[in-house]
Amino acid sequence: MKAKSRSRQQAPMVRKLGIVGGLGSLAGGDLFYKLVKSRAVLEDQGRYHFLFEQHPFKDVLLPLDQGASMTSRKFYVFQVCKSFEDSGFDAVMLPCFASQTFRAEIEEELGIPVLDMMVALARHVRHTVSPRTTLGVIASVFVRHCGLFERHFGKDFQIVYPDADTQAKLMEAMYGLNGIKDGHLEGAPLEAVYQACLSLQAQGATVILPGMTELSLVCADLQRRGITVLDINEIYADFATLDQQPMRPPFKLGIVGGVGPAATVDFMAKVVANTPAGKDQDHIKMVVEQNPQIPDRTASLLRDETDPTMAMYATCKRLESAGANAIAIPCNTAHAFVERIQAHLRVPIVNMLSETVEWIARTHGSGQAIGLLATSGTLQSQVYHQAARHAGLQVLTPGVDYQAMVMDAIYGPRGIKAGFTQGLCKEQLLLAAEHLCELGAGVLILGCTELPLVLGHCEAFEINGHRVALVDPTMILALKCVALAQGAGKLNVLNSLEHVAAI
């Protein structure tokens, strides 16, 4: 009894597979049938959940000649695949050789795999056919021209195709008015496919590979006539029911933007600047909701104005739905609301404040007095104070008059949120910074994301005879996000901040 109980607990989870229909209705239906009757499914029917989804696709009737456009087909396939992803499916089956030519493009934009039919076919061939065997290929002109079979079989096998006249008859038999694709599986269409197979045998082919999924509809008839032709739908069905490693999609960073707008752009620039990349494609995927309509965080904390929690939560949920693996909020004051939001999200919000304080403790040592330049809302929320206490650091804040200068530098008519980065706002910040140095601060946190637009990160900044380190939390947040994307250790990347010049 105990053994049975343990066995039940270790039973595999349900595997949900979506099948893209509409690219060849009969061939897609045949795949679904062969999937349901495959050995793995019959042995464990409760494990598999299949969904065949087909929508009207007008371009399905266009001939697959050499110059056939795949644009509308790509869009159709992506829409159906995305609906499977949104419904929580584990993988997608794409029973169409023409669509397999752009399978990788589609998969790159999804968070679930699109099972590679050519890999399934190649795997089967390498297990059943001797190397250097001549393989005949029955494919559309488009698939043939794309070199799909050469990429998968060209190194180990000899590949032959029907001659031009036979190919033309084959295309008519498959895709013509009374062709196999429309359900005419006997008579002239079947005979034309049979003759194409004979022409390949005459070129030395001992095995016929399918390059049209419709070939599965007449595969049994051809085999009864002595043709060694492979059934791609049967092979693909068996491949789909193998235990496969889950795909790990590229890291995607979600950004709550607009708090404030310029600070968001500044943060993104820091992510880009600190990502090791030799080309565009090496950079991190980012999805940003630039939402300046999120209610002001400082106004909520100081004057009990509109609570931004709901707007922030809704923005985070949309980023979560867009496939974000982690969420960054380049706004210090907004972190006063993070704790109440995080519990209701499936993905983590990278806490800029705790990352900043931890970096200071590692770099400058515990027991350090830290000066905090931030909004009055951030100061009142005590979020930096709480993080600092955990790290054994003391936080110093400006006196009342100097804090008024900081607020004016941020929110005033000639402040940073109004688009100014020089003049009065900078002078006010420098006066407040000097005041904190006089109180004993050796490190200053630029604790509002607008401040680094005026004073950049710097390990040794001179202020009227005082030497102080300026720490930019958005830089640390950017480097942490880069580390997450790379799967690297936190210290390796964050310690490099010592060598980063101010941006």
Protein backbone atom coordinates (compact mmCIF):
# COMPACT_ATOMS: atom_id res chain seq x y z
CA MET A 1 0.00 0.00 0.00
CA LYS A 2 2.81 2.40 0.84
CA ALA A 3 4.54 1.71 -2.48
CA LYS A 4 1.35 2.46 -4.40
CA SER A 5 0.87 5.71 -2.52
CA ARG A 6 4.44 6.76 -3.30
CA SER A 7 3.92 5.86 -6.96
CA ARG A 8 0.82 8.02 -7.13
CA GLN A 9 2.68 10.95 -5.63
CA GLN A 10 5.47 10.63 -8.20
CA ALA A 11 3.14 10.33 -11.21
CA PRO A 12 4.04 12.72 -14.05
CA MET A 13 2.13 15.95 -14.29
CA VAL A 14 -0.42 16.51 -17.04
CA ARG A 15 1.20 17.51 -20.33
CA LYS A 16 -0.85 20.04 -22.27
CA LEU A 17 -0.18 20.16 -26.02
CA GLY A 18 -1.77 22.57 -28.46
CA ILE A 19 -2.02 21.70 -32.17
CA VAL A 20 -2.12 24.51 -34.74
CA GLY A 21 -4.83 23.65 -37.24
CA GLY A 22 -5.97 25.48 -40.35
CA LEU A 23 -2.79 25.04 -42.39
CA GLY A 24 -4.05 21.77 -43.83
CA SER A 25 -7.24 20.64 -42.14
CA LEU A 26 -7.15 16.95 -43.05
CA ALA A 27 -3.45 16.56 -42.28
CA GLY A 28 -3.93 18.35 -38.96
CA GLY A 29 -6.85 16.11 -38.11
CA ASP A 30 -4.77 13.07 -39.02
CA LEU A 31 -2.03 14.23 -36.62
CA PHE A 32 -4.59 14.65 -33.85
CA TYR A 33 -5.88 11.11 -34.46
CA LYS A 34 -2.38 9.61 -34.43
CA LEU A 35 -1.52 11.58 -31.31
CA VAL A 36 -4.54 10.18 -29.47
CA LYS A 37 -3.76 6.60 -30.50
CA SER A 38 0.00 6.79 -29.88
CA ARG A 39 1.42 4.23 -27.46
CA ALA A 40 2.37 6.77 -24.77
CA VAL A 41 -1.12 8.25 -24.70
CA LEU A 42 -2.92 4.89 -24.67
CA GLU A 43 -0.72 3.74 -21.78
CA ASP A 44 -1.42 6.86 -19.69
CA GLN A 45 -4.47 8.66 -21.07
CA GLY A 46 -4.94 10.81 -17.99
CA ARG A 47 -1.57 12.47 -18.44
CA TYR A 48 -2.26 14.23 -21.75
CA HIS A 49 -4.47 17.17 -22.60
CA PHE A 50 -4.71 18.02 -26.32
CA LEU A 51 -6.35 21.01 -27.95
CA PHE A 52 -6.69 21.30 -31.72
CA GLU A 53 -7.32 24.94 -32.62
CA GLN A 54 -8.25 26.00 -36.14
CA HIS A 55 -9.33 29.39 -37.45
CA PRO A 56 -10.16 30.64 -40.97
CA PHE A 57 -6.91 31.33 -42.83
CA LYS A 58 -7.56 32.64 -46.32
CA ASP A 59 -3.98 32.32 -47.59
CA VAL A 60 -3.96 28.56 -47.02
CA LEU A 61 -5.05 28.12 -50.65
CA LEU A 62 -2.11 30.07 -52.10
CA PRO A 63 0.36 27.79 -53.91
CA LEU A 64 3.57 26.98 -52.06
CA ASP A 65 5.81 27.93 -54.97
CA GLN A 66 9.33 29.28 -54.72
CA GLY A 67 8.29 32.89 -54.10
CA ALA A 68 5.42 32.20 -51.72
CA SER A 69 5.03 34.88 -49.01
CA MET A 70 4.98 33.57 -45.46
CA THR A 71 3.96 36.84 -43.78
CA SER A 72 0.27 36.17 -43.17
CA ARG A 73 1.03 32.53 -42.35
CA LYS A 74 3.56 33.66 -39.71
CA PHE A 75 1.03 36.02 -38.14
CA TYR A 76 -1.67 33.32 -38.10
CA VAL A 77 0.66 30.76 -36.51
CA PHE A 78 1.86 33.25 -33.91
CA GLN A 79 -1.71 34.20 -32.90
CA VAL A 80 -2.72 30.57 -32.38
CA CYS A 81 0.52 29.74 -30.53
CA LYS A 82 0.10 32.79 -28.30
CA SER A 83 -3.43 31.71 -27.38
CA PHE A 84 -2.02 28.33 -26.30
CA GLU A 85 0.64 30.05 -24.21
CA ASP A 86 -1.94 32.32 -22.59
CA SER A 87 -4.04 29.25 -21.75
CA GLY A 88 -1.18 27.60 -19.89
CA PHE A 89 -0.18 24.96 -22.43
CA ASP A 90 3.24 23.31 -22.19
CA ALA A 91 4.11 23.14 -25.89
CA VAL A 92 2.71 23.63 -29.39
CA MET A 93 2.69 21.27 -32.36
CA LEU A 94 2.93 22.86 -35.80
CA PRO A 95 2.02 20.26 -38.46
CA CYS A 96 3.14 22.18 -41.56
CA PHE A 97 6.52 21.95 -43.28
CA ALA A 98 6.24 25.42 -44.80
CA SER A 99 5.61 26.82 -41.31
CA GLN A 100 8.54 24.85 -39.91
CA THR A 101 10.80 27.11 -42.00
CA PHE A 102 9.98 29.97 -39.57
CA ARG A 103 9.31 27.88 -36.43
CA ALA A 104 12.32 29.34 -34.59
CA GLU A 105 11.13 32.92 -35.27
CA ILE A 106 7.77 32.13 -33.67
CA GLU A 107 9.29 30.30 -30.70
CA GLU A 108 11.60 33.24 -30.01
CA GLU A 109 8.54 35.39 -29.25
CA LEU A 110 6.87 32.85 -26.97
CA GLY A 111 7.43 31.45 -23.51
CA ILE A 112 6.64 27.85 -24.54
CA PRO A 113 8.32 25.63 -27.14
CA VAL A 114 7.01 25.02 -30.64
CA LEU A 115 8.01 21.40 -31.19
CA ASP A 116 10.40 21.03 -34.11
CA MET A 117 8.95 18.60 -36.64
CA MET A 118 12.25 18.41 -38.53
CA VAL A 119 14.10 17.42 -35.36
CA ALA A 120 11.51 14.70 -34.83
CA LEU A 121 12.00 13.44 -38.39
CA ALA A 122 15.81 13.63 -38.21
CA ARG A 123 15.81 11.77 -34.88
CA HIS A 124 13.69 8.98 -36.38
CA VAL A 125 15.80 8.74 -39.53
CA ARG A 126 19.10 8.55 -37.61
CA HIS A 127 17.70 5.72 -35.48
CA THR A 128 16.37 3.70 -38.42
CA VAL A 129 18.41 4.55 -41.54
CA SER A 130 22.12 3.93 -42.16
CA PRO A 131 24.35 6.98 -42.81
CA ARG A 132 25.08 7.86 -46.45
CA THR A 133 21.75 6.34 -47.52
CA THR A 134 20.07 8.18 -50.40
CA LEU A 135 16.87 9.84 -49.21
CA GLY A 136 14.12 10.94 -51.55
CA VAL A 137 12.09 13.96 -50.53
CA ILE A 138 8.46 14.68 -51.43
CA ALA A 139 8.06 18.40 -50.65
CA SER A 140 6.50 21.59 -52.00
CA VAL A 141 8.58 23.82 -54.24
CA PHE A 142 8.78 26.37 -51.41
CA VAL A 143 10.11 23.91 -48.81
CA ARG A 144 12.51 22.44 -51.34
CA HIS A 145 13.85 25.89 -52.26
CA CYS A 146 14.34 26.81 -48.57
CA GLY A 147 16.87 24.02 -48.09
CA LEU A 148 15.08 22.72 -45.00
CA PHE A 149 16.08 19.10 -45.63
CA GLU A 150 19.65 19.94 -46.55
CA ARG A 151 20.12 21.63 -43.17
CA HIS A 152 18.96 18.55 -41.27
CA PHE A 153 20.19 15.69 -43.49
CA GLY A 154 22.75 17.08 -45.93
CA LYS A 155 25.87 16.15 -43.92
CA ASP A 156 25.04 12.47 -43.38
CA PHE A 157 22.79 11.53 -46.29
CA GLN A 158 22.39 12.00 -50.02
CA ILE A 159 19.16 13.90 -50.84
CA VAL A 160 17.28 13.67 -54.14
CA TYR A 161 14.09 15.35 -55.38
CA PRO A 162 11.70 14.67 -58.29
CA ASP A 163 12.56 16.28 -61.63
CA ALA A 164 10.76 19.48 -62.67
CA ASP A 165 7.97 17.77 -64.64
CA THR A 166 7.28 15.22 -61.91
CA GLN A 167 7.39 18.00 -59.28
CA ALA A 168 4.74 19.98 -61.15
CA LYS A 169 2.44 16.93 -61.30
CA LEU A 170 3.10 16.28 -57.62
CA MET A 171 2.10 19.83 -56.65
CA GLU A 172 -1.14 19.51 -58.63
CA ALA A 173 -1.87 16.13 -57.04
CA MET A 174 -1.38 17.53 -53.54
CA TYR A 175 -2.74 21.06 -53.77
CA GLY A 176 -4.84 21.10 -56.95
CA LEU A 177 -8.62 21.47 -57.19
CA ASN A 178 -9.22 17.74 -56.70
CA GLY A 179 -6.04 17.08 -54.78
CA ILE A 180 -5.15 15.11 -51.70
CA LYS A 181 -5.31 18.22 -49.51
CA ASP A 182 -9.04 18.43 -50.34
CA GLY A 183 -9.67 14.78 -49.44
CA HIS A 184 -9.24 13.07 -52.80
CA LEU A 185 -7.06 10.23 -51.57
CA GLU A 186 -7.47 7.78 -54.44
CA GLY A 187 -7.28 7.72 -58.21
CA ALA A 188 -5.16 10.24 -60.14
CA PRO A 189 -3.78 12.17 -57.13
CA LEU A 190 -2.54 9.02 -55.43
CA GLU A 191 -1.11 7.72 -58.68
CA ALA A 192 0.84 10.98 -59.25
CA VAL A 193 2.39 10.73 -55.76
CA TYR A 194 3.22 7.07 -56.39
CA GLN A 195 4.96 7.94 -59.67
CA ALA A 196 6.94 10.68 -57.87
CA CYS A 197 8.12 8.08 -55.35
CA LEU A 198 9.14 5.72 -58.18
CA SER A 199 11.14 8.55 -59.80
CA LEU A 200 13.02 9.02 -56.54
CA GLN A 201 13.71 5.29 -56.29
CA ALA A 202 15.09 5.45 -59.82
CA GLN A 203 17.59 8.05 -58.51
CA GLY A 204 18.73 5.61 -55.83
CA ALA A 205 16.47 6.62 -52.93
CA THR A 206 15.71 3.72 -50.60
CA VAL A 207 13.64 5.77 -48.15
CA ILE A 208 11.11 8.52 -48.98
CA LEU A 209 10.95 11.44 -46.57
CA PRO A 210 7.78 13.53 -46.25
CA GLY A 211 8.06 17.27 -46.87
CA MET A 212 4.28 17.67 -47.05
CA THR A 213 2.11 16.71 -44.09
CA GLU A 214 -0.61 15.61 -46.53
CA LEU A 215 1.62 12.68 -47.48
CA SER A 216 0.55 11.05 -44.20
CA LEU A 217 -3.00 10.78 -45.60
CA VAL A 218 -1.85 8.34 -48.32
CA CYS A 219 1.18 6.91 -46.54
CA ALA A 220 -0.43 3.55 -45.80
CA ASP A 221 -1.53 3.14 -49.45
CA LEU A 222 2.01 3.88 -50.69
CA GLN A 223 3.50 1.44 -48.18
CA ARG A 224 1.12 -1.29 -49.40
CA ARG A 225 2.52 -0.66 -52.90
CA GLY A 226 6.03 -1.32 -51.63
CA ILE A 227 7.22 2.27 -51.13
CA THR A 228 9.33 2.84 -47.99
CA VAL A 229 7.79 6.17 -47.06
CA LEU A 230 7.78 7.67 -43.57
CA ASP A 231 4.60 8.87 -41.87
CA ILE A 232 5.47 12.29 -40.43
CA ASN A 233 2.29 12.59 -38.38
CA GLU A 234 3.04 9.30 -36.61
CA ILE A 235 6.67 10.32 -36.05
CA TYR A 236 5.70 13.81 -34.81
CA ALA A 237 3.06 12.36 -32.46
CA ASP A 238 5.59 9.98 -30.90
CA PHE A 239 8.11 12.82 -30.55
CA ALA A 240 5.57 15.07 -28.81
CA THR A 241 4.86 12.47 -26.13
CA LEU A 242 8.51 12.08 -25.15
CA ASP A 243 9.56 13.56 -21.81
CA GLN A 244 11.24 16.74 -22.99
CA GLN A 245 13.22 19.32 -21.08
CA PRO A 246 11.12 22.45 -20.48
CA MET A 247 12.20 25.41 -22.56
CA ARG A 248 13.84 28.28 -20.72
CA PRO A 249 12.74 31.43 -22.56
CA PRO A 250 15.06 34.44 -22.66
CA PHE A 251 14.97 36.60 -19.55
CA LYS A 252 12.50 39.46 -19.84
CA LEU A 253 12.64 42.46 -17.52
CA GLY A 254 9.41 44.27 -16.73
CA ILE A 255 9.69 47.96 -15.89
CA VAL A 256 7.09 50.09 -14.13
CA GLY A 257 7.75 53.31 -16.02
CA GLY A 258 6.54 56.86 -15.75
CA VAL A 259 7.50 57.26 -12.08
CA GLY A 260 8.98 59.59 -13.32
CA PRO A 261 9.23 59.43 -17.10
CA ALA A 262 12.80 60.75 -17.49
CA ALA A 263 14.05 58.50 -14.68
CA THR A 264 12.63 55.49 -16.54
CA VAL A 265 14.60 56.33 -19.67
CA ASP A 266 17.70 56.91 -17.54
CA PHE A 267 17.30 53.50 -15.89
CA MET A 268 16.86 51.72 -19.24
CA ALA A 269 19.99 53.43 -20.56
CA LYS A 270 21.92 52.07 -17.56
CA VAL A 271 20.66 48.54 -18.22
CA VAL A 272 21.77 48.79 -21.85
CA ALA A 273 25.13 50.39 -20.99
CA ASN A 274 25.99 47.70 -18.46
CA THR A 275 24.91 44.65 -20.45
CA PRO A 276 27.86 42.75 -21.97
CA ALA A 277 26.79 42.59 -25.60
CA GLY A 278 28.53 42.21 -28.92
CA LYS A 279 25.38 42.78 -30.96
CA ASP A 280 21.79 43.96 -30.57
CA GLN A 281 20.52 40.43 -29.95
CA ASP A 282 22.73 40.04 -26.85
CA HIS A 283 20.81 42.73 -24.96
CA ILE A 284 18.06 42.08 -22.42
CA LYS A 285 14.43 41.91 -23.40
CA MET A 286 12.50 44.65 -21.64
CA VAL A 287 8.79 45.32 -21.51
CA VAL A 288 7.95 48.78 -20.19
CA GLU A 289 4.64 50.31 -19.22
CA GLN A 290 5.31 54.02 -19.24
CA ASN A 291 2.44 55.06 -17.00
CA PRO A 292 2.84 58.66 -15.76
CA GLN A 293 -0.78 58.53 -14.57
CA ILE A 294 0.19 56.45 -11.52
CA PRO A 295 -0.77 58.78 -8.65
CA ASP A 296 2.09 60.68 -7.04
CA ARG A 297 3.71 58.55 -4.35
CA THR A 298 4.98 61.46 -2.25
CA ALA A 299 1.59 63.20 -2.26
CA SER A 300 -0.03 60.00 -1.04
CA LEU A 301 2.46 59.51 1.80
CA LEU A 302 2.61 63.14 2.95
CA ARG A 303 -0.90 64.45 2.32
CA ASP A 304 -2.99 61.27 2.13
CA GLU A 305 -3.86 61.97 -1.51
CA THR A 306 -4.74 59.24 -4.02
CA ASP A 307 -3.22 55.89 -3.09
CA PRO A 308 -1.00 54.63 -5.97
CA THR A 309 -1.12 51.00 -4.83
CA MET A 310 -3.88 49.89 -7.21
CA ALA A 311 -2.30 51.57 -10.25
CA MET A 312 1.11 50.10 -9.42
CA TYR A 313 -0.38 46.66 -8.86
CA ALA A 314 -2.32 46.75 -12.14
CA THR A 315 0.83 47.82 -13.99
CA CYS A 316 2.83 45.00 -12.40
CA LYS A 317 0.13 42.47 -13.34
CA ARG A 318 0.22 43.61 -16.95
CA LEU A 319 3.99 43.20 -16.96
CA GLU A 320 3.56 39.76 -15.42
CA SER A 321 1.06 38.84 -18.15
CA ALA A 322 3.56 40.06 -20.77
CA GLY A 323 6.00 37.40 -19.58
CA ALA A 324 8.28 39.43 -17.31
CA ASN A 325 10.61 37.28 -15.17
CA ALA A 326 11.32 40.13 -12.77
CA ILE A 327 10.00 43.67 -12.28
CA ALA A 328 12.01 46.83 -11.71
CA ILE A 329 10.48 50.03 -10.36
CA PRO A 330 12.93 52.93 -10.89
CA CYS A 331 11.32 55.07 -8.20
CA ASN A 332 12.56 55.17 -4.61
CA THR A 333 9.33 56.47 -3.07
CA ALA A 334 7.29 53.79 -4.84
CA HIS A 335 9.11 51.18 -2.78
CA ALA A 336 7.03 52.24 0.21
CA PHE A 337 4.17 50.38 -1.53
CA VAL A 338 6.11 47.34 -2.81
CA GLU A 339 5.57 45.07 0.20
CA ARG A 340 1.78 45.19 -0.07
CA ILE A 341 1.95 44.45 -3.84
CA GLN A 342 4.57 41.69 -3.92
CA ALA A 343 2.43 39.14 -2.09
CA HIS A 344 -0.08 39.21 -4.96
CA LEU A 345 2.41 38.75 -7.81
CA ARG A 346 3.96 35.58 -9.26
CA VAL A 347 7.20 37.34 -10.24
CA PRO A 348 9.58 39.22 -7.94
CA ILE A 349 9.96 42.97 -7.74
CA VAL A 350 13.70 43.68 -7.49
CA ASN A 351 13.97 45.83 -4.38
CA MET A 352 16.15 48.78 -5.34
CA LEU A 353 16.48 50.03 -1.76
CA SER A 354 17.67 46.82 -0.13
CA GLU A 355 20.06 46.18 -3.05
CA THR A 356 21.50 49.67 -2.61
CA VAL A 357 21.98 49.37 1.12
CA GLU A 358 23.54 45.91 0.82
CA TRP A 359 25.95 47.21 -1.81
CA ILE A 360 27.01 50.10 0.45
CA ALA A 361 27.59 47.72 3.36
CA ARG A 362 29.79 45.49 1.20
CA THR A 363 31.68 48.34 -0.43
CA HIS A 364 32.05 50.84 2.41
CA GLY A 365 31.60 48.62 5.46
CA SER A 366 28.95 48.41 8.16
CA GLY A 367 28.71 51.14 10.77
CA GLN A 368 28.96 53.71 8.01
CA ALA A 369 26.89 56.91 8.30
CA ILE A 370 24.81 57.35 5.15
CA GLY A 371 23.28 60.62 4.06
CA LEU A 372 19.94 60.29 2.28
CA LEU A 373 18.81 62.73 -0.39
CA ALA A 374 15.23 61.77 -1.17
CA THR A 375 11.66 62.99 -1.29
CA SER A 376 9.93 63.74 1.98
CA GLY A 377 7.61 60.82 1.23
CA THR A 378 10.54 58.42 1.12
CA LEU A 379 11.89 59.85 4.37
CA GLN A 380 8.51 59.60 6.09
CA SER A 381 7.97 56.00 4.91
CA GLN A 382 11.25 54.99 6.60
CA VAL A 383 11.86 52.38 3.88
CA TYR A 384 15.54 53.27 3.59
CA HIS A 385 15.89 53.41 7.37
CA GLN A 386 14.47 49.89 7.69
CA ALA A 387 16.77 48.50 5.00
CA ALA A 388 19.77 50.26 6.58
CA ARG A 389 19.05 48.84 10.03
CA HIS A 390 19.15 45.31 8.61
CA ALA A 391 22.59 46.06 7.16
CA GLY A 392 23.90 47.75 10.32
CA LEU A 393 24.05 51.22 8.76
CA GLN A 394 23.01 54.60 10.15
CA VAL A 395 20.90 56.97 8.02
CA LEU A 396 21.27 60.74 8.23
CA THR A 397 18.58 62.99 6.75
CA PRO A 398 18.64 66.73 5.99
CA GLY A 399 17.29 69.31 8.43
CA VAL A 400 13.90 70.87 7.68
CA ASP A 401 15.18 73.80 5.61
CA TYR A 402 17.56 71.64 3.61
CA GLN A 403 14.87 69.02 2.99
CA ALA A 404 12.68 71.84 1.62
CA MET A 405 15.52 72.62 -0.83
CA VAL A 406 15.63 68.96 -1.94
CA MET A 407 11.88 68.95 -2.56
CA ASP A 408 12.07 72.20 -4.51
CA ALA A 409 14.96 70.81 -6.56
CA ILE A 410 12.74 67.86 -7.51
CA TYR A 411 9.23 69.36 -7.71
CA GLY A 412 9.80 73.13 -8.01
CA PRO A 413 9.08 75.23 -11.11
CA ARG A 414 12.76 74.98 -12.03
CA GLY A 415 13.09 71.46 -10.66
CA ILE A 416 14.10 68.16 -12.23
CA LYS A 417 10.54 66.92 -12.86
CA ALA A 418 9.98 70.14 -14.82
CA GLY A 419 12.89 69.18 -17.09
CA PHE A 420 15.77 71.12 -15.49
CA THR A 421 19.11 69.51 -14.61
CA GLN A 422 21.29 72.63 -14.19
CA GLY A 423 21.00 75.93 -12.38
CA LEU A 424 18.93 76.33 -9.22
CA CYS A 425 18.01 72.66 -8.77
CA LYS A 426 21.66 71.56 -8.86
CA GLU A 427 22.71 74.34 -6.47
CA GLN A 428 20.00 73.30 -4.00
CA LEU A 429 21.07 69.66 -4.12
CA LEU A 430 24.71 70.53 -3.56
CA LEU A 431 23.81 72.64 -0.52
CA ALA A 432 21.79 69.75 0.96
CA ALA A 433 24.61 67.33 0.17
CA GLU A 434 27.18 69.58 1.88
CA HIS A 435 24.90 69.79 4.91
CA LEU A 436 24.80 65.96 5.17
CA CYS A 437 28.59 65.80 4.89
CA GLU A 438 28.85 68.25 7.79
CA LEU A 439 26.60 65.94 9.82
CA GLY A 440 29.15 63.16 9.26
CA ALA A 441 27.96 61.32 6.16
CA GLY A 442 30.71 59.62 4.13
CA VAL A 443 28.28 58.17 1.58
CA LEU A 444 25.26 59.89 0.03
CA ILE A 445 22.38 57.97 -1.48
CA LEU A 446 20.77 59.73 -4.43
CA GLY A 447 17.47 58.42 -3.13
CA CYS A 448 15.13 59.89 -5.73
CA THR A 449 15.43 58.58 -9.29
CA GLU A 450 15.45 62.13 -10.63
CA LEU A 451 18.62 63.01 -8.69
CA PRO A 452 21.06 60.98 -10.84
CA LEU A 453 19.96 63.14 -13.75
CA VAL A 454 21.83 65.95 -11.94
CA LEU A 455 24.46 64.21 -9.79
CA GLY A 456 25.82 60.93 -11.15
CA HIS A 457 27.26 57.96 -9.31
CA CYS A 458 30.78 58.73 -8.12
CA GLU A 459 33.15 57.06 -5.67
CA ALA A 460 34.91 60.31 -4.69
CA PHE A 461 32.92 63.52 -5.13
CA GLU A 462 34.30 66.85 -3.84
CA ILE A 463 31.80 69.20 -2.14
CA ASN A 464 33.34 72.34 -0.69
CA GLY A 465 36.21 70.52 1.01
CA HIS A 466 34.30 67.32 1.76
CA ARG A 467 35.06 64.07 -0.07
CA VAL A 468 32.02 61.83 -0.33
CA ALA A 469 30.80 58.82 -2.33
CA LEU A 470 27.59 59.35 -4.31
CA VAL A 471 25.56 56.18 -4.73
CA ASP A 472 23.00 55.92 -7.54
CA PRO A 473 20.31 53.32 -6.68
CA THR A 474 19.12 53.12 -10.29
CA MET A 475 22.63 52.08 -11.33
CA ILE A 476 22.63 49.33 -8.71
CA LEU A 477 19.13 48.27 -9.77
CA ALA A 478 20.26 48.14 -13.40
CA LEU A 479 23.30 46.02 -12.54
CA LYS A 480 21.21 43.67 -10.43
CA CYS A 481 18.80 43.19 -13.34
CA VAL A 482 21.72 42.49 -15.68
CA ALA A 483 23.00 39.89 -13.18
CA LEU A 484 19.57 38.25 -13.05
CA ALA A 485 19.39 38.15 -16.84
CA GLN A 486 22.79 36.51 -17.07
CA GLY A 487 22.10 34.11 -14.25
CA ALA A 488 25.35 35.35 -12.72
CA GLY A 489 26.17 35.73 -9.05
CA LYS A 490 25.06 39.01 -7.53
CA LEU A 491 28.47 40.00 -6.20
CA ASN A 492 30.35 39.48 -9.47
CA VAL A 493 28.33 42.09 -11.29
CA LEU A 494 27.53 44.50 -8.50
CA ASN A 495 31.14 44.76 -7.34
CA SER A 496 32.05 46.04 -10.79
CA LEU A 497 30.15 49.21 -9.86
CA GLU A 498 33.32 50.48 -8.21
CA HIS A 499 34.80 50.89 -11.67
CA VAL A 500 31.76 52.40 -13.34
CA ALA A 501 32.06 56.06 -14.15
CA ALA A 502 29.05 58.30 -13.66
CA ILE A 503 26.64 58.18 -16.56
